[in-house]
N, C-alpha and C. Protein backbone atom coordinates (compact mmCIF):
# COMPACT_ATOMS: atom_id res chain seq x y z
N MET A 1 -178.12 49.76 -112.06
CA MET A 1 -177.20 48.80 -112.67
C MET A 1 -177.71 48.39 -114.05
N ALA A 2 -176.79 48.29 -114.98
CA ALA A 2 -177.13 47.80 -116.32
C ALA A 2 -176.24 46.60 -116.63
N LYS A 3 -176.82 45.62 -117.30
CA LYS A 3 -176.04 44.46 -117.72
C LYS A 3 -175.57 44.68 -119.15
N ILE A 4 -174.26 44.69 -119.31
CA ILE A 4 -173.64 44.86 -120.62
C ILE A 4 -173.13 43.51 -121.11
N VAL A 5 -173.38 43.22 -122.38
CA VAL A 5 -172.85 42.02 -123.03
C VAL A 5 -171.85 42.51 -124.08
N ALA A 6 -170.60 42.07 -123.96
CA ALA A 6 -169.53 42.57 -124.82
C ALA A 6 -169.03 41.49 -125.77
N ILE A 7 -168.96 41.85 -127.07
CA ILE A 7 -168.36 41.00 -128.08
C ILE A 7 -167.46 41.86 -128.96
N SER A 8 -166.61 41.22 -129.74
CA SER A 8 -165.72 41.95 -130.65
C SER A 8 -165.13 40.97 -131.63
N ASP A 9 -164.57 41.48 -132.71
CA ASP A 9 -163.80 40.65 -133.65
C ASP A 9 -164.57 39.38 -134.03
N THR A 10 -165.79 39.58 -134.52
CA THR A 10 -166.60 38.44 -134.94
C THR A 10 -166.30 38.04 -136.38
N HIS A 11 -165.80 38.95 -137.21
CA HIS A 11 -165.31 38.63 -138.56
C HIS A 11 -166.30 37.77 -139.35
N LYS A 12 -167.55 38.22 -139.45
CA LYS A 12 -168.63 37.55 -140.21
C LYS A 12 -169.16 36.29 -139.52
N LYS A 13 -168.64 35.96 -138.35
CA LYS A 13 -169.03 34.70 -137.71
C LYS A 13 -169.96 34.93 -136.51
N HIS A 14 -170.66 36.07 -136.51
CA HIS A 14 -171.51 36.44 -135.39
C HIS A 14 -172.61 35.42 -135.11
N ARG A 15 -173.10 34.75 -136.15
CA ARG A 15 -174.19 33.79 -135.94
C ARG A 15 -173.74 32.51 -135.25
N LYS A 16 -172.45 32.33 -135.11
CA LYS A 16 -171.95 31.18 -134.36
C LYS A 16 -171.98 31.42 -132.85
N LEU A 17 -172.22 32.66 -132.45
CA LEU A 17 -172.19 33.01 -131.03
C LEU A 17 -173.55 32.81 -130.38
N LYS A 18 -173.52 32.41 -129.13
CA LYS A 18 -174.73 32.37 -128.32
C LYS A 18 -174.71 33.62 -127.45
N ILE A 19 -175.59 34.56 -127.77
CA ILE A 19 -175.57 35.87 -127.11
C ILE A 19 -176.50 35.85 -125.89
N PRO A 20 -175.97 36.07 -124.71
CA PRO A 20 -176.83 36.10 -123.52
C PRO A 20 -177.68 37.36 -123.46
N MET A 21 -178.73 37.30 -122.67
CA MET A 21 -179.57 38.46 -122.47
C MET A 21 -178.81 39.56 -121.74
N GLY A 22 -179.21 40.80 -121.96
CA GLY A 22 -178.61 41.93 -121.28
C GLY A 22 -179.32 43.20 -121.69
N ASP A 23 -178.95 44.30 -121.07
CA ASP A 23 -179.56 45.59 -121.39
C ASP A 23 -178.90 46.24 -122.60
N ILE A 24 -177.57 46.14 -122.68
CA ILE A 24 -176.82 46.77 -123.77
C ILE A 24 -175.85 45.76 -124.35
N LEU A 25 -175.93 45.54 -125.66
CA LEU A 25 -174.96 44.73 -126.38
C LEU A 25 -173.94 45.66 -127.01
N ILE A 26 -172.66 45.41 -126.76
CA ILE A 26 -171.59 46.24 -127.31
C ILE A 26 -170.67 45.39 -128.17
N HIS A 27 -170.41 45.88 -129.39
CA HIS A 27 -169.46 45.22 -130.30
C HIS A 27 -168.30 46.19 -130.54
N ALA A 28 -167.08 45.74 -130.24
CA ALA A 28 -165.91 46.62 -130.28
C ALA A 28 -165.12 46.53 -131.58
N GLY A 29 -165.80 46.23 -132.69
CA GLY A 29 -165.15 46.33 -133.99
C GLY A 29 -164.67 45.03 -134.59
N ASP A 30 -164.31 45.10 -135.87
CA ASP A 30 -164.01 43.94 -136.72
C ASP A 30 -165.25 43.08 -136.87
N ILE A 31 -166.27 43.72 -137.40
CA ILE A 31 -167.55 43.09 -137.72
C ILE A 31 -167.40 42.24 -138.97
N THR A 32 -166.66 42.76 -139.93
CA THR A 32 -166.56 42.15 -141.27
C THR A 32 -165.25 41.39 -141.43
N SER A 33 -165.11 40.77 -142.61
CA SER A 33 -163.86 40.11 -142.94
C SER A 33 -162.89 41.09 -143.58
N LYS A 34 -163.37 41.75 -144.65
CA LYS A 34 -162.53 42.72 -145.35
C LYS A 34 -163.27 44.02 -145.64
N GLY A 35 -164.33 44.27 -144.86
CA GLY A 35 -164.97 45.57 -144.93
C GLY A 35 -166.05 45.73 -145.98
N SER A 36 -166.67 44.63 -146.44
CA SER A 36 -167.69 44.78 -147.47
C SER A 36 -169.02 45.23 -146.88
N LEU A 37 -169.78 46.00 -147.65
CA LEU A 37 -171.11 46.43 -147.23
C LEU A 37 -172.06 45.24 -147.12
N ASP A 38 -171.87 44.22 -147.94
CA ASP A 38 -172.72 43.04 -147.86
C ASP A 38 -172.57 42.37 -146.49
N ASP A 39 -171.34 42.28 -146.01
CA ASP A 39 -171.12 41.74 -144.65
C ASP A 39 -171.86 42.57 -143.62
N LEU A 40 -171.80 43.86 -143.78
CA LEU A 40 -172.41 44.78 -142.82
C LEU A 40 -173.94 44.67 -142.85
N ILE A 41 -174.50 44.52 -144.03
CA ILE A 41 -175.95 44.37 -144.17
C ILE A 41 -176.44 43.13 -143.44
N GLU A 42 -175.73 42.03 -143.60
CA GLU A 42 -176.12 40.79 -142.93
C GLU A 42 -175.97 40.92 -141.42
N PHE A 43 -174.92 41.58 -140.98
CA PHE A 43 -174.70 41.80 -139.55
C PHE A 43 -175.82 42.64 -138.95
N ASN A 44 -176.22 43.68 -139.67
CA ASN A 44 -177.30 44.55 -139.19
C ASN A 44 -178.61 43.76 -139.06
N GLN A 45 -178.85 42.88 -140.02
CA GLN A 45 -180.05 42.04 -139.94
C GLN A 45 -180.01 41.17 -138.69
N TRP A 46 -178.85 40.59 -138.41
CA TRP A 46 -178.68 39.76 -137.21
C TRP A 46 -178.92 40.57 -135.94
N LEU A 47 -178.40 41.78 -135.91
CA LEU A 47 -178.63 42.64 -134.74
C LEU A 47 -180.12 42.84 -134.50
N GLY A 48 -180.88 43.00 -135.57
CA GLY A 48 -182.31 43.22 -135.44
C GLY A 48 -183.05 42.03 -134.87
N GLU A 49 -182.44 40.87 -134.90
CA GLU A 49 -183.06 39.66 -134.35
C GLU A 49 -182.79 39.49 -132.86
N LEU A 50 -181.90 40.30 -132.31
CA LEU A 50 -181.53 40.18 -130.91
C LEU A 50 -182.43 41.06 -130.04
N PRO A 51 -182.71 40.63 -128.80
CA PRO A 51 -183.71 41.31 -127.97
C PRO A 51 -183.19 42.45 -127.12
N HIS A 52 -181.90 42.72 -127.13
CA HIS A 52 -181.33 43.72 -126.23
C HIS A 52 -181.94 45.10 -126.49
N GLN A 53 -182.19 45.83 -125.42
CA GLN A 53 -182.81 47.15 -125.54
C GLN A 53 -181.96 48.09 -126.39
N TYR A 54 -180.64 48.03 -126.17
CA TYR A 54 -179.72 48.87 -126.93
C TYR A 54 -178.57 48.03 -127.47
N LYS A 55 -178.10 48.39 -128.65
CA LYS A 55 -176.91 47.79 -129.24
C LYS A 55 -176.00 48.93 -129.69
N VAL A 56 -174.73 48.85 -129.33
CA VAL A 56 -173.76 49.89 -129.66
C VAL A 56 -172.58 49.23 -130.35
N ILE A 57 -172.14 49.80 -131.47
CA ILE A 57 -171.02 49.23 -132.20
C ILE A 57 -170.01 50.31 -132.57
N ILE A 58 -168.77 49.87 -132.76
CA ILE A 58 -167.74 50.70 -133.37
C ILE A 58 -167.11 49.90 -134.50
N ALA A 59 -166.31 50.54 -135.31
CA ALA A 59 -165.57 49.86 -136.37
C ALA A 59 -164.23 49.36 -135.85
N GLY A 60 -163.65 48.44 -136.61
CA GLY A 60 -162.30 47.95 -136.31
C GLY A 60 -161.43 48.02 -137.54
N ASN A 61 -160.23 47.51 -137.46
CA ASN A 61 -159.27 47.66 -138.56
C ASN A 61 -159.65 46.85 -139.81
N HIS A 62 -160.56 45.88 -139.69
CA HIS A 62 -161.03 45.16 -140.87
C HIS A 62 -162.22 45.86 -141.54
N ASP A 63 -162.83 46.80 -140.85
CA ASP A 63 -164.09 47.39 -141.32
C ASP A 63 -163.86 48.60 -142.21
N PHE A 64 -163.23 48.36 -143.37
CA PHE A 64 -162.87 49.43 -144.30
C PHE A 64 -164.08 50.23 -144.78
N CYS A 65 -165.25 49.61 -144.81
CA CYS A 65 -166.43 50.32 -145.32
C CYS A 65 -166.72 51.58 -144.50
N PHE A 66 -166.48 51.54 -143.20
CA PHE A 66 -166.72 52.72 -142.36
C PHE A 66 -165.70 53.82 -142.61
N GLN A 67 -164.52 53.46 -143.10
CA GLN A 67 -163.49 54.45 -143.40
C GLN A 67 -163.60 54.96 -144.83
N ASN A 68 -163.84 54.05 -145.78
CA ASN A 68 -163.82 54.42 -147.19
C ASN A 68 -165.15 54.95 -147.71
N ASP A 69 -166.24 54.51 -147.11
CA ASP A 69 -167.57 54.95 -147.55
C ASP A 69 -168.46 55.13 -146.31
N PRO A 70 -168.07 56.06 -145.43
CA PRO A 70 -168.74 56.17 -144.13
C PRO A 70 -170.22 56.48 -144.20
N ILE A 71 -170.65 57.28 -145.18
CA ILE A 71 -172.08 57.62 -145.25
C ILE A 71 -172.91 56.39 -145.56
N GLU A 72 -172.49 55.62 -146.55
CA GLU A 72 -173.24 54.41 -146.91
C GLU A 72 -173.17 53.36 -145.81
N ALA A 73 -172.00 53.20 -145.20
CA ALA A 73 -171.86 52.20 -144.14
C ALA A 73 -172.76 52.53 -142.96
N GLN A 74 -172.79 53.79 -142.58
CA GLN A 74 -173.60 54.17 -141.43
C GLN A 74 -175.09 54.09 -141.74
N LYS A 75 -175.47 54.27 -143.01
CA LYS A 75 -176.87 54.11 -143.40
C LYS A 75 -177.33 52.67 -143.20
N VAL A 76 -176.41 51.73 -143.40
CA VAL A 76 -176.75 50.31 -143.27
C VAL A 76 -177.14 49.95 -141.84
N ILE A 77 -176.50 50.61 -140.87
CA ILE A 77 -176.71 50.26 -139.46
C ILE A 77 -177.99 50.92 -138.95
N THR A 78 -179.06 50.16 -139.01
CA THR A 78 -180.36 50.65 -138.53
C THR A 78 -180.78 49.99 -137.22
N ASN A 79 -180.06 48.95 -136.82
CA ASN A 79 -180.43 48.21 -135.62
C ASN A 79 -179.44 48.37 -134.48
N ALA A 80 -178.60 49.40 -134.57
CA ALA A 80 -177.62 49.67 -133.51
C ALA A 80 -177.23 51.14 -133.58
N ILE A 81 -176.53 51.58 -132.57
CA ILE A 81 -175.96 52.93 -132.52
C ILE A 81 -174.49 52.81 -132.87
N TYR A 82 -174.08 53.49 -133.93
CA TYR A 82 -172.68 53.48 -134.34
C TYR A 82 -171.98 54.70 -133.76
N LEU A 83 -170.87 54.46 -133.08
CA LEU A 83 -170.09 55.55 -132.50
C LEU A 83 -168.72 55.63 -133.16
N GLN A 84 -168.35 56.84 -133.55
CA GLN A 84 -166.99 57.09 -134.05
C GLN A 84 -166.53 58.41 -133.47
N ASP A 85 -165.76 58.32 -132.39
CA ASP A 85 -165.33 59.49 -131.64
C ASP A 85 -166.55 60.27 -131.15
N GLN A 86 -167.49 59.52 -130.58
CA GLN A 86 -168.75 60.10 -130.12
C GLN A 86 -169.17 59.47 -128.79
N MET A 87 -170.03 60.19 -128.08
CA MET A 87 -170.59 59.70 -126.82
C MET A 87 -172.11 59.65 -126.91
N ILE A 88 -172.68 58.67 -126.21
CA ILE A 88 -174.13 58.60 -126.05
C ILE A 88 -174.40 58.17 -124.61
N THR A 89 -175.50 58.62 -124.06
CA THR A 89 -175.89 58.21 -122.71
C THR A 89 -177.04 57.23 -122.81
N LEU A 90 -176.85 56.05 -122.25
CA LEU A 90 -177.86 54.99 -122.24
C LEU A 90 -177.98 54.45 -120.82
N LEU A 91 -179.21 54.40 -120.32
CA LEU A 91 -179.48 53.86 -118.98
C LEU A 91 -178.59 54.52 -117.93
N GLY A 92 -178.34 55.81 -118.12
CA GLY A 92 -177.53 56.57 -117.16
C GLY A 92 -176.04 56.42 -117.34
N LEU A 93 -175.60 55.63 -118.32
CA LEU A 93 -174.17 55.41 -118.56
C LEU A 93 -173.72 56.23 -119.76
N LYS A 94 -172.63 56.99 -119.58
CA LYS A 94 -172.04 57.74 -120.67
C LYS A 94 -171.04 56.84 -121.40
N ILE A 95 -171.39 56.51 -122.65
CA ILE A 95 -170.64 55.52 -123.43
C ILE A 95 -169.96 56.23 -124.60
N TYR A 96 -168.66 56.04 -124.70
CA TYR A 96 -167.87 56.69 -125.77
C TYR A 96 -167.19 55.61 -126.61
N GLY A 97 -167.27 55.76 -127.93
CA GLY A 97 -166.67 54.78 -128.82
C GLY A 97 -165.71 55.39 -129.82
N SER A 98 -164.60 54.67 -130.08
CA SER A 98 -163.59 55.15 -131.03
C SER A 98 -162.89 53.96 -131.69
N PRO A 99 -162.72 53.99 -133.02
CA PRO A 99 -162.20 52.82 -133.73
C PRO A 99 -160.68 52.75 -133.90
N TRP A 100 -159.96 53.78 -133.49
CA TRP A 100 -158.55 53.90 -133.87
C TRP A 100 -157.64 52.92 -133.13
N GLN A 101 -156.50 52.63 -133.74
CA GLN A 101 -155.46 51.83 -133.09
C GLN A 101 -154.10 52.17 -133.72
N PRO A 102 -153.01 51.86 -133.00
CA PRO A 102 -151.69 52.11 -133.59
C PRO A 102 -151.52 51.36 -134.91
N TRP A 103 -150.73 51.93 -135.79
CA TRP A 103 -150.54 51.42 -137.15
C TRP A 103 -150.31 49.91 -137.16
N PHE A 104 -151.11 49.21 -137.98
CA PHE A 104 -151.10 47.75 -137.96
C PHE A 104 -151.32 47.23 -139.37
N PHE A 105 -150.26 46.94 -140.10
CA PHE A 105 -150.32 46.35 -141.45
C PHE A 105 -151.19 47.14 -142.42
N ASP A 106 -151.24 48.46 -142.26
CA ASP A 106 -151.94 49.32 -143.22
C ASP A 106 -153.42 48.99 -143.37
N TRP A 107 -154.05 48.60 -142.26
CA TRP A 107 -155.48 48.33 -142.26
C TRP A 107 -156.25 49.63 -141.98
N ALA A 108 -157.54 49.51 -141.77
CA ALA A 108 -158.39 50.69 -141.54
C ALA A 108 -158.16 51.28 -140.15
N PHE A 109 -158.44 52.58 -140.04
CA PHE A 109 -158.40 53.31 -138.77
C PHE A 109 -157.06 53.16 -138.05
N ASN A 110 -155.99 53.20 -138.83
CA ASN A 110 -154.63 53.15 -138.28
C ASN A 110 -154.06 54.56 -138.13
N LEU A 111 -153.41 54.82 -137.03
CA LEU A 111 -152.70 56.07 -136.82
C LEU A 111 -151.33 55.79 -136.23
N LYS A 112 -150.40 56.69 -136.48
CA LYS A 112 -149.05 56.52 -135.93
C LYS A 112 -149.07 56.68 -134.42
N ARG A 113 -148.22 55.90 -133.76
CA ARG A 113 -148.07 56.02 -132.32
C ARG A 113 -147.56 57.42 -131.97
N GLY A 114 -147.88 57.86 -130.78
CA GLY A 114 -147.42 59.17 -130.34
C GLY A 114 -148.50 60.22 -130.52
N LEU A 115 -148.10 61.40 -130.98
CA LEU A 115 -149.01 62.54 -131.03
C LEU A 115 -150.21 62.32 -131.94
N GLU A 116 -150.02 61.58 -133.05
CA GLU A 116 -151.13 61.41 -133.99
C GLU A 116 -152.30 60.66 -133.34
N ILE A 117 -152.01 59.54 -132.70
CA ILE A 117 -153.10 58.80 -132.08
C ILE A 117 -153.55 59.46 -130.77
N LYS A 118 -152.66 60.12 -130.09
CA LYS A 118 -153.01 60.84 -128.87
C LYS A 118 -154.10 61.88 -129.15
N SER A 119 -154.08 62.46 -130.34
CA SER A 119 -155.07 63.48 -130.67
C SER A 119 -156.49 62.91 -130.66
N LYS A 120 -156.62 61.63 -130.95
CA LYS A 120 -157.93 60.98 -130.88
C LYS A 120 -158.33 60.70 -129.43
N TRP A 121 -157.39 60.23 -128.64
CA TRP A 121 -157.71 59.93 -127.23
C TRP A 121 -157.98 61.21 -126.45
N ASP A 122 -157.42 62.32 -126.87
CA ASP A 122 -157.70 63.59 -126.20
C ASP A 122 -159.16 64.02 -126.35
N LEU A 123 -159.87 63.41 -127.30
CA LEU A 123 -161.29 63.73 -127.51
C LEU A 123 -162.20 63.03 -126.51
N ILE A 124 -161.68 62.03 -125.80
CA ILE A 124 -162.52 61.24 -124.89
C ILE A 124 -162.91 62.11 -123.69
N PRO A 125 -164.20 62.28 -123.43
CA PRO A 125 -164.62 63.12 -122.30
C PRO A 125 -164.19 62.53 -120.95
N LYS A 126 -163.92 63.42 -120.02
CA LYS A 126 -163.43 62.99 -118.71
C LYS A 126 -164.49 62.25 -117.90
N ASP A 127 -165.77 62.44 -118.24
CA ASP A 127 -166.84 61.80 -117.48
C ASP A 127 -167.35 60.52 -118.13
N THR A 128 -166.54 59.93 -119.02
CA THR A 128 -166.93 58.67 -119.67
C THR A 128 -167.06 57.55 -118.64
N ASP A 129 -168.18 56.84 -118.69
CA ASP A 129 -168.38 55.66 -117.83
C ASP A 129 -167.93 54.38 -118.50
N VAL A 130 -168.27 54.24 -119.78
CA VAL A 130 -167.91 53.04 -120.55
C VAL A 130 -167.17 53.49 -121.81
N LEU A 131 -165.93 53.07 -121.93
CA LEU A 131 -165.10 53.40 -123.09
C LEU A 131 -165.01 52.17 -123.98
N ILE A 132 -165.28 52.38 -125.27
CA ILE A 132 -165.12 51.31 -126.26
C ILE A 132 -164.07 51.75 -127.27
N THR A 133 -163.01 50.98 -127.39
CA THR A 133 -162.02 51.21 -128.44
C THR A 133 -161.79 49.87 -129.14
N HIS A 134 -161.29 49.91 -130.37
CA HIS A 134 -161.03 48.62 -131.01
C HIS A 134 -159.77 47.98 -130.44
N GLY A 135 -158.72 48.77 -130.30
CA GLY A 135 -157.46 48.23 -129.81
C GLY A 135 -157.32 48.38 -128.31
N PRO A 136 -156.45 47.58 -127.70
CA PRO A 136 -156.25 47.61 -126.25
C PRO A 136 -155.25 48.68 -125.81
N PRO A 137 -155.29 49.03 -124.53
CA PRO A 137 -154.22 49.87 -123.98
C PRO A 137 -152.96 49.02 -123.76
N MET A 138 -151.84 49.67 -123.71
CA MET A 138 -150.56 48.98 -123.55
C MET A 138 -150.52 48.14 -122.27
N GLN A 139 -150.10 46.88 -122.42
CA GLN A 139 -149.87 45.93 -121.33
C GLN A 139 -151.14 45.54 -120.57
N ILE A 140 -152.27 45.69 -121.23
CA ILE A 140 -153.53 45.22 -120.64
C ILE A 140 -154.27 44.39 -121.68
N LEU A 141 -154.22 43.08 -121.52
CA LEU A 141 -154.90 42.16 -122.45
C LEU A 141 -154.53 42.46 -123.89
N ASP A 142 -153.23 42.68 -124.12
CA ASP A 142 -152.74 43.08 -125.44
C ASP A 142 -151.58 42.23 -125.92
N LYS A 143 -151.41 41.03 -125.35
CA LYS A 143 -150.24 40.21 -125.68
C LYS A 143 -150.53 39.28 -126.86
N THR A 144 -149.67 39.31 -127.85
CA THR A 144 -149.83 38.47 -129.04
C THR A 144 -149.28 37.07 -128.79
N VAL A 145 -149.45 36.19 -129.77
CA VAL A 145 -148.91 34.84 -129.65
C VAL A 145 -147.39 34.86 -129.57
N MET A 146 -146.79 35.94 -130.02
CA MET A 146 -145.34 36.09 -129.94
C MET A 146 -144.91 36.67 -128.59
N LYS A 147 -145.87 36.78 -127.66
CA LYS A 147 -145.62 37.29 -126.30
C LYS A 147 -145.19 38.76 -126.29
N LYS A 148 -145.64 39.48 -127.31
CA LYS A 148 -145.31 40.90 -127.41
C LYS A 148 -146.53 41.74 -127.06
N HIS A 149 -146.34 42.77 -126.23
CA HIS A 149 -147.41 43.70 -125.91
C HIS A 149 -147.50 44.75 -127.02
N VAL A 150 -148.70 44.87 -127.61
CA VAL A 150 -148.85 45.75 -128.77
C VAL A 150 -149.93 46.82 -128.57
N GLY A 151 -150.40 46.97 -127.35
CA GLY A 151 -151.42 48.00 -127.07
C GLY A 151 -150.86 49.40 -127.21
N CYS A 152 -151.72 50.38 -127.00
CA CYS A 152 -151.35 51.77 -127.22
C CYS A 152 -150.91 52.44 -125.93
N GLU A 153 -149.72 53.01 -125.97
CA GLU A 153 -149.16 53.70 -124.80
C GLU A 153 -149.96 54.95 -124.45
N GLU A 154 -150.41 55.67 -125.45
CA GLU A 154 -151.17 56.89 -125.20
C GLU A 154 -152.57 56.58 -124.67
N LEU A 155 -153.13 55.47 -125.11
CA LEU A 155 -154.46 55.08 -124.64
C LEU A 155 -154.43 54.70 -123.17
N VAL A 156 -153.44 53.96 -122.75
CA VAL A 156 -153.41 53.56 -121.34
C VAL A 156 -153.26 54.78 -120.43
N LYS A 157 -152.51 55.77 -120.87
CA LYS A 157 -152.38 57.00 -120.09
C LYS A 157 -153.74 57.68 -119.94
N LYS A 158 -154.48 57.76 -121.04
CA LYS A 158 -155.79 58.43 -121.02
C LYS A 158 -156.78 57.66 -120.14
N VAL A 159 -156.77 56.34 -120.25
CA VAL A 159 -157.72 55.54 -119.46
C VAL A 159 -157.47 55.73 -117.96
N PHE A 160 -156.22 55.69 -117.54
CA PHE A 160 -155.94 55.87 -116.12
C PHE A 160 -156.15 57.31 -115.67
N GLU A 161 -156.13 58.24 -116.61
CA GLU A 161 -156.42 59.63 -116.28
C GLU A 161 -157.92 59.84 -116.03
N ILE A 162 -158.76 59.32 -116.93
CA ILE A 162 -160.20 59.59 -116.82
C ILE A 162 -160.94 58.55 -115.97
N LYS A 163 -160.37 57.37 -115.83
CA LYS A 163 -160.90 56.31 -114.98
C LYS A 163 -162.36 55.96 -115.26
N PRO A 164 -162.65 55.44 -116.43
CA PRO A 164 -164.01 54.95 -116.69
C PRO A 164 -164.30 53.73 -115.83
N LYS A 165 -165.56 53.41 -115.68
CA LYS A 165 -165.91 52.19 -114.94
C LYS A 165 -165.50 50.94 -115.71
N LEU A 166 -165.58 51.03 -117.04
CA LEU A 166 -165.39 49.87 -117.90
C LEU A 166 -164.73 50.29 -119.20
N HIS A 167 -163.76 49.51 -119.65
CA HIS A 167 -163.13 49.73 -120.94
C HIS A 167 -163.21 48.42 -121.73
N ILE A 168 -163.93 48.46 -122.86
CA ILE A 168 -164.11 47.29 -123.72
C ILE A 168 -163.33 47.48 -125.01
N PHE A 169 -162.64 46.42 -125.45
CA PHE A 169 -161.87 46.46 -126.70
C PHE A 169 -161.74 45.05 -127.24
N GLY A 170 -160.96 44.88 -128.29
CA GLY A 170 -160.71 43.56 -128.89
C GLY A 170 -159.38 43.59 -129.59
N HIS A 171 -159.39 43.29 -130.91
CA HIS A 171 -158.23 43.42 -131.80
C HIS A 171 -157.19 42.32 -131.61
N ILE A 172 -156.74 42.10 -130.38
CA ILE A 172 -155.74 41.07 -130.12
C ILE A 172 -156.48 39.81 -129.64
N HIS A 173 -156.84 38.97 -130.61
CA HIS A 173 -157.71 37.83 -130.34
C HIS A 173 -157.17 36.92 -129.22
N GLU A 174 -155.86 36.75 -129.21
CA GLU A 174 -155.26 35.75 -128.32
C GLU A 174 -155.20 36.18 -126.86
N ASP A 175 -155.57 37.43 -126.55
CA ASP A 175 -155.55 37.86 -125.15
C ASP A 175 -156.97 38.17 -124.65
N TYR A 176 -157.92 37.42 -125.17
CA TYR A 176 -159.33 37.50 -124.73
C TYR A 176 -159.43 37.30 -123.22
N GLY A 177 -160.32 38.06 -122.61
CA GLY A 177 -160.57 37.90 -121.18
C GLY A 177 -160.85 39.24 -120.51
N SER A 178 -160.85 39.24 -119.19
CA SER A 178 -161.12 40.46 -118.44
C SER A 178 -160.27 40.52 -117.19
N LEU A 179 -160.08 41.73 -116.69
CA LEU A 179 -159.35 41.93 -115.44
C LEU A 179 -159.75 43.29 -114.87
N ILE A 180 -159.44 43.48 -113.60
CA ILE A 180 -159.69 44.76 -112.94
C ILE A 180 -158.34 45.34 -112.53
N LYS A 181 -158.12 46.59 -112.89
CA LYS A 181 -156.88 47.28 -112.52
C LYS A 181 -157.22 48.73 -112.19
N ASN A 182 -156.73 49.20 -111.06
CA ASN A 182 -157.03 50.57 -110.61
C ASN A 182 -158.53 50.85 -110.60
N ASP A 183 -159.30 49.84 -110.18
CA ASP A 183 -160.76 49.93 -110.08
C ASP A 183 -161.46 50.10 -111.43
N ILE A 184 -160.76 49.83 -112.52
CA ILE A 184 -161.36 49.85 -113.85
C ILE A 184 -161.49 48.42 -114.35
N ILE A 185 -162.66 48.07 -114.89
CA ILE A 185 -162.84 46.76 -115.49
C ILE A 185 -162.38 46.83 -116.94
N PHE A 186 -161.42 46.01 -117.29
CA PHE A 186 -160.92 45.94 -118.66
C PHE A 186 -161.41 44.63 -119.29
N VAL A 187 -161.94 44.71 -120.51
CA VAL A 187 -162.48 43.54 -121.19
C VAL A 187 -161.95 43.47 -122.62
N ASN A 188 -161.20 42.42 -122.92
CA ASN A 188 -160.87 42.10 -124.31
C ASN A 188 -161.93 41.08 -124.75
N ALA A 189 -162.89 41.56 -125.53
CA ALA A 189 -164.07 40.76 -125.86
C ALA A 189 -163.95 40.03 -127.20
N SER A 190 -162.73 39.82 -127.69
CA SER A 190 -162.54 39.16 -128.99
C SER A 190 -163.29 37.83 -129.05
N SER A 191 -164.23 37.73 -129.96
CA SER A 191 -165.03 36.52 -130.09
C SER A 191 -164.29 35.42 -130.83
N CYS A 192 -163.45 35.81 -131.79
CA CYS A 192 -162.65 34.84 -132.53
C CYS A 192 -161.29 34.62 -131.87
N THR A 193 -160.82 33.42 -131.96
CA THR A 193 -159.48 33.09 -131.49
C THR A 193 -158.44 33.56 -132.50
N HIS A 194 -157.18 33.31 -132.19
CA HIS A 194 -156.11 33.68 -133.12
C HIS A 194 -156.27 32.97 -134.47
N SER A 195 -156.88 31.79 -134.46
CA SER A 195 -157.11 31.04 -135.71
C SER A 195 -158.50 31.31 -136.29
N TYR A 196 -159.13 32.40 -135.84
CA TYR A 196 -160.41 32.87 -136.37
C TYR A 196 -161.55 31.86 -136.17
N GLN A 197 -161.52 31.17 -135.06
CA GLN A 197 -162.66 30.34 -134.66
C GLN A 197 -163.50 31.14 -133.67
N ALA A 198 -164.78 31.26 -133.93
CA ALA A 198 -165.66 32.08 -133.09
C ALA A 198 -166.17 31.26 -131.90
N ILE A 199 -165.27 31.02 -130.96
CA ILE A 199 -165.61 30.15 -129.81
C ILE A 199 -165.47 30.87 -128.47
N ASN A 200 -164.97 32.08 -128.46
CA ASN A 200 -164.88 32.83 -127.19
C ASN A 200 -166.26 33.37 -126.82
N LYS A 201 -166.67 33.12 -125.60
CA LYS A 201 -168.01 33.51 -125.17
C LYS A 201 -168.12 35.03 -124.97
N PRO A 202 -169.29 35.59 -125.27
CA PRO A 202 -169.52 36.99 -124.92
C PRO A 202 -169.27 37.21 -123.43
N ILE A 203 -168.73 38.37 -123.09
CA ILE A 203 -168.41 38.67 -121.69
C ILE A 203 -169.50 39.56 -121.11
N GLU A 204 -170.03 39.15 -119.97
CA GLU A 204 -171.13 39.86 -119.32
C GLU A 204 -170.60 40.67 -118.14
N ILE A 205 -171.02 41.94 -118.06
CA ILE A 205 -170.54 42.84 -117.00
C ILE A 205 -171.73 43.64 -116.46
N GLU A 206 -171.82 43.76 -115.14
CA GLU A 206 -172.80 44.61 -114.51
C GLU A 206 -172.12 45.96 -114.18
N VAL A 207 -172.70 47.04 -114.66
CA VAL A 207 -172.13 48.37 -114.41
C VAL A 207 -173.21 49.26 -113.81
């Protein structure tokens, strides 16, 4: 068993969080405000101050630096493992991370719904234990303040097909929380609320 601590959508406010102990810290994207390398440098420094054995991060739609200058952005991250359509095995868990989400106000890592975004989800290995995406699957912790479900239809199909033990995401701040469906633990780990207050607690999961 490994204890995972999940956070997401910190938007430069990571130091306001009280991070519990665990084996693996996972951040599901939106590290920065508008994707500056300076934000990323400070975040990496903060990661280095945390005691977790492993830290794994992905980018989100605010993290333009990973899309526009990926080599420099990835060089900055020295205190975590950055995943972009990649898998790593940690403590016996196969962890796969991907930053994409359905088109959303022309931000970073946006793809059109349907075949375009499906091509990214088709890359997810069938033996994934822990899936990290920035955006949620359709109708699972994806409801906006307008009561509209905005998750990805193709992602939910893939998740129920491969059945990971755990799926961590963020993006939709107002539907923070966790639930179990079809024996899969789903976690919307958004640390910031809809009004960008960093008051949502990190979510702890034993896997």
